Amino acid sequence: MRPWAEHLASNGLTVRLPLLPGHGTEWQQMQITRWTDWYDCLERELVDLFQACDRVFVMGLSMGGTLALRLAMERPDLIDGVVIVNASVHSRNRALRALPVLRHLVPAVPGICNDIKKPGQDELAYSRVPLQAMHSLTELWADVAPRLGEISCPMLAFGSDEDHVVEPSNSVEIVQGVSSHDLTFIPLHDSFHVATLDNDAQLIFEQSLAFVERHVPEVSAQEPPTKARTDT
């Protein structure tokens, strides 16, 4: 997420890049967190940011994109637009059906990290997936997916043609489900799941900035900067 945030910041936006509970330490720490912990962290920062800023845009990758969608549902009064990259609202992996029981028997399974087409990139992800947290993510999906129609703010969505973590059908469900009249979908033809570190990263960065500038013209006019937020 950092290169995305740095690109926005270097172009005059104020950016928050919060570290979600259970992230950036050890997978055992994530095992004891739930989606409500991740969401509550973002909502608190969103409220704080809104109090100091005129405009707020929420952006997220993967699960962060899912959380961004929920923020757009719950706090439309605080958000001027949302940008998502390979967000998830479902999975067709049948193995997940065993999660309700398996999570009590097996703490973690080998993770899928570095799903990146571009050589030499490192996602810095956990090597194992904690199953309690994974089960909680499925509960987040169950909360968000049926309510996509509640989202009406401007939206920019990116989706990789080939993604080995989040099925491309997620982007289809999201784009077809939201009520946003100002909606743009950009396919990513040269990236896998972690597209913000992949071959299409610059496209994401530039189009995200253009999205903000389009909805807040004073940004491109070099007037006082718009306050933007990027979620993990």
C-alpha atoms as a PDB file:
ATOM      1  CA  MET A   1       0.000   0.000   0.000  1.00  0.00           C
ATOM      2  CA  ARG A   2       2.862   2.384   0.692  1.00  0.00           C
ATOM      3  CA  PRO A   3       3.787   3.185  -2.957  1.00  0.00           C
ATOM      4  CA  TRP A   4       0.136   4.024  -3.660  1.00  0.00           C
ATOM      5  CA  ALA A   5      -0.044   6.282  -0.613  1.00  0.00           C
ATOM      6  CA  GLU A   6       3.260   7.951  -1.425  1.00  0.00           C
ATOM      7  CA  HIS A   7       2.133   8.729  -4.969  1.00  0.00           C
ATOM      8  CA  LEU A   8      -0.999  10.469  -3.696  1.00  0.00           C
ATOM      9  CA  ALA A   9       0.959  12.328  -1.009  1.00  0.00           C
ATOM     10  CA  SER A  10       3.582  13.492  -3.499  1.00  0.00           C
ATOM     11  CA  ASN A  11       0.798  15.083  -5.527  1.00  0.00           C
ATOM     12  CA  GLY A  12      -0.485  17.212  -2.680  1.00  0.00           C
ATOM     13  CA  LEU A  13      -2.994  14.959  -0.945  1.00  0.00           C
ATOM     14  CA  THR A  14      -3.004  14.301   2.781  1.00  0.00           C
ATOM     15  CA  VAL A  15      -2.950  10.524   3.222  1.00  0.00           C
ATOM     16  CA  ARG A  16      -3.592   8.205   6.152  1.00  0.00           C
ATOM     17  CA  LEU A  17      -2.269   4.655   5.903  1.00  0.00           C
ATOM     18  CA  PRO A  18      -3.376   2.912   9.128  1.00  0.00           C
ATOM     19  CA  LEU A  19      -1.942  -0.407  10.271  1.00  0.00           C
ATOM     20  CA  LEU A  20      -4.912  -2.656  11.010  1.00  0.00           C
ATOM     21  CA  PRO A  21      -5.062  -4.687  14.245  1.00  0.00           C
ATOM     22  CA  GLY A  22      -3.253  -7.997  13.835  1.00  0.00           C
ATOM     23  CA  HIS A  23      -1.294  -6.816  10.807  1.00  0.00           C
ATOM     24  CA  GLY A  24       2.433  -6.202  10.455  1.00  0.00           C
ATOM     25  CA  THR A  25       3.518  -8.402  13.378  1.00  0.00           C
ATOM     26  CA  GLU A  26       2.986 -12.185  13.472  1.00  0.00           C
ATOM     27  CA  TRP A  27       0.104 -14.275  12.173  1.00  0.00           C
ATOM     28  CA  GLN A  28      -0.681 -15.327  15.751  1.00  0.00           C
ATOM     29  CA  GLN A  29      -1.609 -11.711  16.481  1.00  0.00           C
ATOM     30  CA  MET A  30      -4.040 -11.650  13.595  1.00  0.00           C
ATOM     31  CA  GLN A  31      -5.552 -14.902  14.830  1.00  0.00           C
ATOM     32  CA  ILE A  32      -7.076 -13.112  17.823  1.00  0.00           C
ATOM     33  CA  THR A  33      -8.600 -10.257  15.786  1.00  0.00           C
ATOM     34  CA  ARG A  34     -11.892 -10.146  13.921  1.00  0.00           C
ATOM     35  CA  TRP A  35     -13.281  -8.079  11.068  1.00  0.00           C
ATOM     36  CA  THR A  36     -14.984  -5.786  13.543  1.00  0.00           C
ATOM     37  CA  ASP A  37     -11.556  -4.897  14.978  1.00  0.00           C
ATOM     38  CA  TRP A  38     -10.255  -3.976  11.529  1.00  0.00           C
ATOM     39  CA  TYR A  39     -13.367  -2.015  10.643  1.00  0.00           C
ATOM     40  CA  ASP A  40     -13.592  -0.152  13.967  1.00  0.00           C
ATOM     41  CA  CYS A  41      -9.970   0.975  13.563  1.00  0.00           C
ATOM     42  CA  LEU A  42     -10.729   2.445  10.149  1.00  0.00           C
ATOM     43  CA  GLU A  43     -13.965   4.082  11.206  1.00  0.00           C
ATOM     44  CA  ARG A  44     -12.276   5.832  14.140  1.00  0.00           C
ATOM     45  CA  GLU A  45      -9.572   7.213  11.873  1.00  0.00           C
ATOM     46  CA  LEU A  46     -12.156   8.203   9.286  1.00  0.00           C
ATOM     47  CA  VAL A  47     -14.078  10.233  11.852  1.00  0.00           C
ATOM     48  CA  ASP A  48     -10.888  11.908  13.100  1.00  0.00           C
ATOM     49  CA  LEU A  49      -9.793  12.719   9.567  1.00  0.00           C
ATOM     50  CA  PHE A  50     -13.189  14.109   8.596  1.00  0.00           C
ATOM     51  CA  GLN A  51     -13.087  16.531  11.506  1.00  0.00           C
ATOM     52  CA  ALA A  52      -9.943  18.125  10.062  1.00  0.00           C
ATOM     53  CA  CYS A  53     -10.701  17.804   6.335  1.00  0.00           C
ATOM     54  CA  ASP A  54     -13.220  19.047   3.802  1.00  0.00           C
ATOM     55  CA  ARG A  55     -13.233  15.995   1.524  1.00  0.00           C
ATOM     56  CA  VAL A  56     -12.370  12.339   2.195  1.00  0.00           C
ATOM     57  CA  PHE A  57     -11.790   9.520  -0.289  1.00  0.00           C
ATOM     58  CA  VAL A  58     -11.432   5.927   0.904  1.00  0.00           C
ATOM     59  CA  MET A  59      -9.197   3.511  -0.997  1.00  0.00           C
ATOM     60  CA  GLY A  60      -8.371  -0.131  -0.392  1.00  0.00           C
ATOM     61  CA  LEU A  61      -6.834  -3.299  -1.783  1.00  0.00           C
ATOM     62  CA  SER A  62      -8.280  -6.793  -1.322  1.00  0.00           C
ATOM     63  CA  MET A  63      -9.787  -7.091   2.179  1.00  0.00           C
ATOM     64  CA  GLY A  64      -9.052  -3.387   2.594  1.00  0.00           C
ATOM     65  CA  GLY A  65     -11.301  -2.789  -0.368  1.00  0.00           C
ATOM     66  CA  THR A  66     -14.058  -4.760   1.346  1.00  0.00           C
ATOM     67  CA  LEU A  67     -13.681  -2.618   4.455  1.00  0.00           C
ATOM     68  CA  ALA A  68     -13.747   0.505   2.280  1.00  0.00           C
ATOM     69  CA  LEU A  69     -17.052  -0.671   0.811  1.00  0.00           C
ATOM     70  CA  ARG A  70     -18.519  -1.078   4.286  1.00  0.00           C
ATOM     71  CA  LEU A  71     -17.347   2.396   5.263  1.00  0.00           C
ATOM     72  CA  ALA A  72     -19.153   3.731   2.196  1.00  0.00           C
ATOM     73  CA  MET A  73     -22.309   1.945   3.372  1.00  0.00           C
ATOM     74  CA  GLU A  74     -22.140   2.984   7.007  1.00  0.00           C
ATOM     75  CA  ARG A  75     -20.688   6.492   6.730  1.00  0.00           C
ATOM     76  CA  PRO A  76     -21.844   8.014   3.430  1.00  0.00           C
ATOM     77  CA  ASP A  77     -21.976  11.373   5.203  1.00  0.00           C
ATOM     78  CA  LEU A  78     -18.183  11.348   5.570  1.00  0.00           C
ATOM     79  CA  ILE A  79     -17.044   9.932   2.238  1.00  0.00           C
ATOM     80  CA  ASP A  80     -16.851  11.654  -1.163  1.00  0.00           C
ATOM     81  CA  GLY A  81     -15.695   8.634  -3.136  1.00  0.00           C
ATOM     82  CA  VAL A  82     -14.239   5.143  -2.933  1.00  0.00           C
ATOM     83  CA  VAL A  83     -11.471   3.389  -4.889  1.00  0.00           C
ATOM     84  CA  ILE A  84     -11.050  -0.388  -4.679  1.00  0.00           C
ATOM     85  CA  VAL A  85      -8.523  -2.814  -6.138  1.00  0.00           C
ATOM     86  CA  ASN A  86      -9.366  -6.543  -6.267  1.00  0.00           C
ATOM     87  CA  ALA A  87     -11.806  -6.238  -3.368  1.00  0.00           C
ATOM     88  CA  SER A  88     -13.501  -9.397  -2.128  1.00  0.00           C
ATOM     89  CA  VAL A  89     -17.121 -10.147  -1.230  1.00  0.00           C
ATOM     90  CA  HIS A  90     -17.204 -13.909  -1.820  1.00  0.00           C
ATOM     91  CA  SER A  91     -15.130 -16.980  -2.625  1.00  0.00           C
ATOM     92  CA  ARG A  92     -16.002 -20.039  -4.673  1.00  0.00           C
ATOM     93  CA  ASN A  93     -13.349 -22.133  -2.944  1.00  0.00           C
ATOM     94  CA  ARG A  94     -15.254 -25.118  -1.568  1.00  0.00           C
ATOM     95  CA  ALA A  95     -12.604 -25.689   1.073  1.00  0.00           C
ATOM     96  CA  LEU A  96     -13.911 -22.640   2.905  1.00  0.00           C
ATOM     97  CA  ARG A  97     -17.073 -24.549   3.740  1.00  0.00           C
ATOM     98  CA  ALA A  98     -15.065 -26.414   6.378  1.00  0.00           C
ATOM     99  CA  LEU A  99     -13.928 -23.204   8.100  1.00  0.00           C
ATOM    100  CA  PRO A 100     -16.634 -23.114  10.801  1.00  0.00           C
ATOM    101  CA  VAL A 101     -15.322 -26.434  12.190  1.00  0.00           C
ATOM    102  CA  LEU A 102     -11.717 -26.466  10.954  1.00  0.00           C
ATOM    103  CA  ARG A 103     -10.868 -23.153  12.645  1.00  0.00           C
ATOM    104  CA  HIS A 104     -11.309 -24.853  16.015  1.00  0.00           C
ATOM    105  CA  LEU A 105      -8.951 -27.705  15.094  1.00  0.00           C
ATOM    106  CA  VAL A 106      -6.208 -26.098  12.978  1.00  0.00           C
ATOM    107  CA  PRO A 107      -4.838 -22.648  13.831  1.00  0.00           C
ATOM    108  CA  ALA A 108      -3.421 -21.791  10.415  1.00  0.00           C
ATOM    109  CA  VAL A 109      -2.660 -23.056   6.920  1.00  0.00           C
ATOM    110  CA  PRO A 110       0.043 -22.081   4.426  1.00  0.00           C
ATOM    111  CA  GLY A 111      -0.699 -18.667   2.973  1.00  0.00           C
ATOM    112  CA  ILE A 112      -0.867 -17.378  -0.565  1.00  0.00           C
ATOM    113  CA  CYS A 113       1.462 -14.424  -0.714  1.00  0.00           C
ATOM    114  CA  ASN A 114       3.322 -12.593  -3.443  1.00  0.00           C
ATOM    115  CA  ASP A 115       0.642 -13.185  -6.054  1.00  0.00           C
ATOM    116  CA  ILE A 116       2.469 -10.685  -8.238  1.00  0.00           C
ATOM    117  CA  LYS A 117       3.290 -11.040 -11.917  1.00  0.00           C
ATOM    118  CA  LYS A 118       6.140  -8.538 -11.894  1.00  0.00           C
ATOM    119  CA  PRO A 119       9.487 -10.168 -10.961  1.00  0.00           C
ATOM    120  CA  GLY A 120      11.400  -9.051  -7.881  1.00  0.00           C
ATOM    121  CA  GLN A 121       8.460  -7.807  -5.812  1.00  0.00           C
ATOM    122  CA  ASP A 122       7.760  -8.814  -2.189  1.00  0.00           C
ATOM    123  CA  GLU A 123       4.362  -8.338  -0.589  1.00  0.00           C
ATOM    124  CA  LEU A 124       5.710  -8.759   2.980  1.00  0.00           C
ATOM    125  CA  ALA A 125       2.681 -10.894   3.874  1.00  0.00           C
ATOM    126  CA  TYR A 126       2.286 -13.568   6.541  1.00  0.00           C
ATOM    127  CA  SER A 127       3.432 -17.010   5.415  1.00  0.00           C
ATOM    128  CA  ARG A 128       0.392 -18.595   7.096  1.00  0.00           C
ATOM    129  CA  VAL A 129      -3.308 -17.754   7.104  1.00  0.00           C
ATOM    130  CA  PRO A 130      -4.901 -17.797  10.590  1.00  0.00           C
ATOM    131  CA  LEU A 131      -8.207 -19.608  10.206  1.00  0.00           C
ATOM    132  CA  GLN A 132     -10.100 -17.724  12.908  1.00  0.00           C
ATOM    133  CA  ALA A 133      -9.361 -14.482  11.088  1.00  0.00           C
ATOM    134  CA  MET A 134     -10.181 -16.065   7.720  1.00  0.00           C
ATOM    135  CA  HIS A 135     -13.535 -17.212   9.053  1.00  0.00           C
ATOM    136  CA  SER A 136     -14.176 -13.689  10.290  1.00  0.00           C
ATOM    137  CA  LEU A 137     -13.462 -12.370   6.786  1.00  0.00           C
ATOM    138  CA  THR A 138     -16.204 -14.628   5.425  1.00  0.00           C
ATOM    139  CA  GLU A 139     -18.537 -13.058   7.979  1.00  0.00           C
ATOM    140  CA  LEU A 140     -17.550  -9.640   6.636  1.00  0.00           C
ATOM    141  CA  TRP A 141     -18.444 -10.839   3.140  1.00  0.00           C
ATOM    142  CA  ALA A 142     -21.842 -11.961   4.403  1.00  0.00           C
ATOM    143  CA  ASP A 143     -22.404  -8.502   5.842  1.00  0.00           C
ATOM    144  CA  VAL A 144     -21.240  -6.505   2.817  1.00  0.00           C
ATOM    145  CA  ALA A 145     -22.369  -8.489  -0.233  1.00  0.00           C
ATOM    146  CA  PRO A 146     -26.158  -8.243   0.327  1.00  0.00           C
ATOM    147  CA  ARG A 147     -25.869  -4.493   0.988  1.00  0.00           C
ATOM    148  CA  LEU A 148     -23.872  -3.369  -2.041  1.00  0.00           C
ATOM    149  CA  GLY A 149     -26.915  -1.477  -3.307  1.00  0.00           C
ATOM    150  CA  GLU A 150     -26.582   0.922  -0.370  1.00  0.00           C
ATOM    151  CA  ILE A 151     -23.426   2.390  -1.910  1.00  0.00           C
ATOM    152  CA  SER A 152     -24.202   5.426  -4.049  1.00  0.00           C
ATOM    153  CA  CYS A 153     -21.038   7.546  -3.821  1.00  0.00           C
ATOM    154  CA  PRO A 154     -18.677   7.882  -6.810  1.00  0.00           C
ATOM    155  CA  MET A 155     -16.607   4.733  -7.269  1.00  0.00           C
ATOM    156  CA  LEU A 156     -13.478   3.716  -9.155  1.00  0.00           C
ATOM    157  CA  ALA A 157     -12.879  -0.044  -9.246  1.00  0.00           C
ATOM    158  CA  PHE A 158      -9.895  -1.980 -10.547  1.00  0.00           C
ATOM    159  CA  GLY A 159      -9.920  -5.729 -11.178  1.00  0.00           C
ATOM    160  CA  SER A 160      -7.168  -8.051 -12.355  1.00  0.00           C
ATOM    161  CA  ASP A 161      -7.977 -10.390 -15.226  1.00  0.00           C
ATOM    162  CA  GLU A 162      -5.964 -13.114 -13.493  1.00  0.00           C
ATOM    163  CA  ASP A 163      -6.037 -13.255  -9.694  1.00  0.00           C
ATOM    164  CA  HIS A 164      -5.035 -16.322  -7.674  1.00  0.00           C
ATOM    165  CA  VAL A 165      -6.340 -14.987  -4.348  1.00  0.00           C
ATOM    166  CA  VAL A 166      -9.616 -13.180  -5.089  1.00  0.00           C
ATOM    167  CA  GLU A 167     -11.666 -14.472  -8.003  1.00  0.00           C
ATOM    168  CA  PRO A 168     -12.336 -11.819 -10.689  1.00  0.00           C
ATOM    169  CA  SER A 169     -16.044 -12.573 -10.231  1.00  0.00           C
ATOM    170  CA  ASN A 170     -15.844 -10.432  -7.085  1.00  0.00           C
ATOM    171  CA  SER A 171     -15.294  -7.280  -9.139  1.00  0.00           C
ATOM    172  CA  VAL A 172     -18.244  -8.204 -11.331  1.00  0.00           C
ATOM    173  CA  GLU A 173     -20.528  -8.654  -8.307  1.00  0.00           C
ATOM    174  CA  ILE A 174     -19.422  -5.361  -6.777  1.00  0.00           C
ATOM    175  CA  VAL A 175     -19.737  -3.277  -9.952  1.00  0.00           C
ATOM    176  CA  GLN A 176     -23.134  -4.752 -10.764  1.00  0.00           C
ATOM    177  CA  GLY A 177     -24.374  -4.463  -7.196  1.00  0.00           C
ATOM    178  CA  VAL A 178     -23.635  -0.869  -6.174  1.00  0.00           C
ATOM    179  CA  SER A 179     -26.016   2.011  -6.876  1.00  0.00           C
ATOM    180  CA  SER A 180     -23.316   4.533  -7.798  1.00  0.00           C
ATOM    181  CA  HIS A 181     -24.222   6.547 -10.899  1.00  0.00           C
ATOM    182  CA  ASP A 182     -20.620   7.727 -11.172  1.00  0.00           C
ATOM    183  CA  LEU A 183     -18.901   4.353 -11.561  1.00  0.00           C
ATOM    184  CA  THR A 184     -15.762   3.456 -13.486  1.00  0.00           C
ATOM    185  CA  PHE A 185     -14.282  -0.039 -13.787  1.00  0.00           C
ATOM    186  CA  ILE A 186     -10.736  -0.436 -15.097  1.00  0.00           C
ATOM    187  CA  PRO A 187      -9.501  -3.964 -15.885  1.00  0.00           C
ATOM    188  CA  LEU A 188      -5.894  -4.781 -15.051  1.00  0.00           C
ATOM    189  CA  HIS A 189      -4.473  -6.922 -17.839  1.00  0.00           C
ATOM    190  CA  ASP A 190      -0.888  -7.256 -16.609  1.00  0.00           C
ATOM    191  CA  SER A 191      -1.169  -7.840 -12.858  1.00  0.00           C
ATOM    192  CA  PHE A 192      -2.160 -10.560 -10.424  1.00  0.00           C
ATOM    193  CA  HIS A 193      -3.752  -9.965  -7.000  1.00  0.00           C
ATOM    194  CA  VAL A 194      -1.327  -7.491  -5.413  1.00  0.00           C
ATOM    195  CA  ALA A 195      -1.752  -5.072  -8.284  1.00  0.00           C
ATOM    196  CA  THR A 196      -0.405  -2.081  -6.341  1.00  0.00           C
ATOM    197  CA  LEU A 197       3.041  -3.708  -6.537  1.00  0.00           C
ATOM    198  CA  ASP A 198       2.589  -5.155 -10.011  1.00  0.00           C
ATOM    199  CA  ASN A 199       2.899  -4.058 -13.621  1.00  0.00           C
ATOM    200  CA  ASP A 200      -0.309  -2.000 -13.498  1.00  0.00           C
ATOM    201  CA  ALA A 201       0.612  -0.122 -10.323  1.00  0.00           C
ATOM    202  CA  GLN A 202       1.274   3.181 -12.079  1.00  0.00           C
ATOM    203  CA  LEU A 203      -2.086   2.961 -13.815  1.00  0.00           C
ATOM    204  CA  ILE A 204      -3.782   2.547 -10.433  1.00  0.00           C
ATOM    205  CA  PHE A 205      -1.852   5.433  -8.904  1.00  0.00           C
ATOM    206  CA  GLU A 206      -2.508   7.841 -11.775  1.00  0.00           C
ATOM    207  CA  GLN A 207      -6.172   6.981 -12.202  1.00  0.00           C
ATOM    208  CA  SER A 208      -6.791   7.224  -8.438  1.00  0.00           C
ATOM    209  CA  LEU A 209      -5.340  10.725  -8.413  1.00  0.00           C
ATOM    210  CA  ALA A 210      -7.352  11.670 -11.496  1.00  0.00           C
ATOM    211  CA  PHE A 211     -10.488  10.341  -9.762  1.00  0.00           C
ATOM    212  CA  VAL A 212      -9.924  12.684  -6.812  1.00  0.00           C
ATOM    213  CA  GLU A 213      -9.088  15.619  -9.080  1.00  0.00           C
ATOM    214  CA  ARG A 214     -12.225  15.028 -11.128  1.00  0.00           C
ATOM    215  CA  HIS A 215     -14.441  15.250  -8.067  1.00  0.00           C
ATOM    216  CA  VAL A 216     -12.468  18.031  -6.379  1.00  0.00           C
ATOM    217  CA  PRO A 217     -11.261  20.305  -9.200  1.00  0.00           C
ATOM    218  CA  GLU A 218      -9.334  22.599  -6.858  1.00  0.00           C
ATOM    219  CA  VAL A 219      -6.749  19.825  -6.363  1.00  0.00           C
ATOM    220  CA  SER A 220      -5.512  20.145  -9.936  1.00  0.00           C
ATOM    221  CA  ALA A 221      -5.763  23.934  -9.659  1.00  0.00           C
ATOM    222  CA  GLN A 222      -3.123  23.887  -6.903  1.00  0.00           C
ATOM    223  CA  GLU A 223      -5.477  25.319  -4.295  1.00  0.00           C
ATOM    224  CA  PRO A 224      -5.471  24.018  -0.676  1.00  0.00           C
ATOM    225  CA  PRO A 225      -5.044  20.233  -0.920  1.00  0.00           C
ATOM    226  CA  THR A 226      -7.902  17.810  -0.568  1.00  0.00           C
ATOM    227  CA  LYS A 227      -7.557  15.357   2.277  1.00  0.00           C
ATOM    228  CA  ALA A 228      -7.481  11.797   1.032  1.00  0.00           C
ATOM    229  CA  ARG A 229      -7.333   8.496   2.851  1.00  0.00           C
ATOM    230  CA  THR A 230      -5.995   5.150   1.738  1.00  0.00           C
ATOM    231  CA  ASP A 231      -6.971   2.028   3.663  1.00  0.00           C
ATOM    232  CA  THR A 232      -5.039  -1.220   3.759  1.00  0.00           C
END
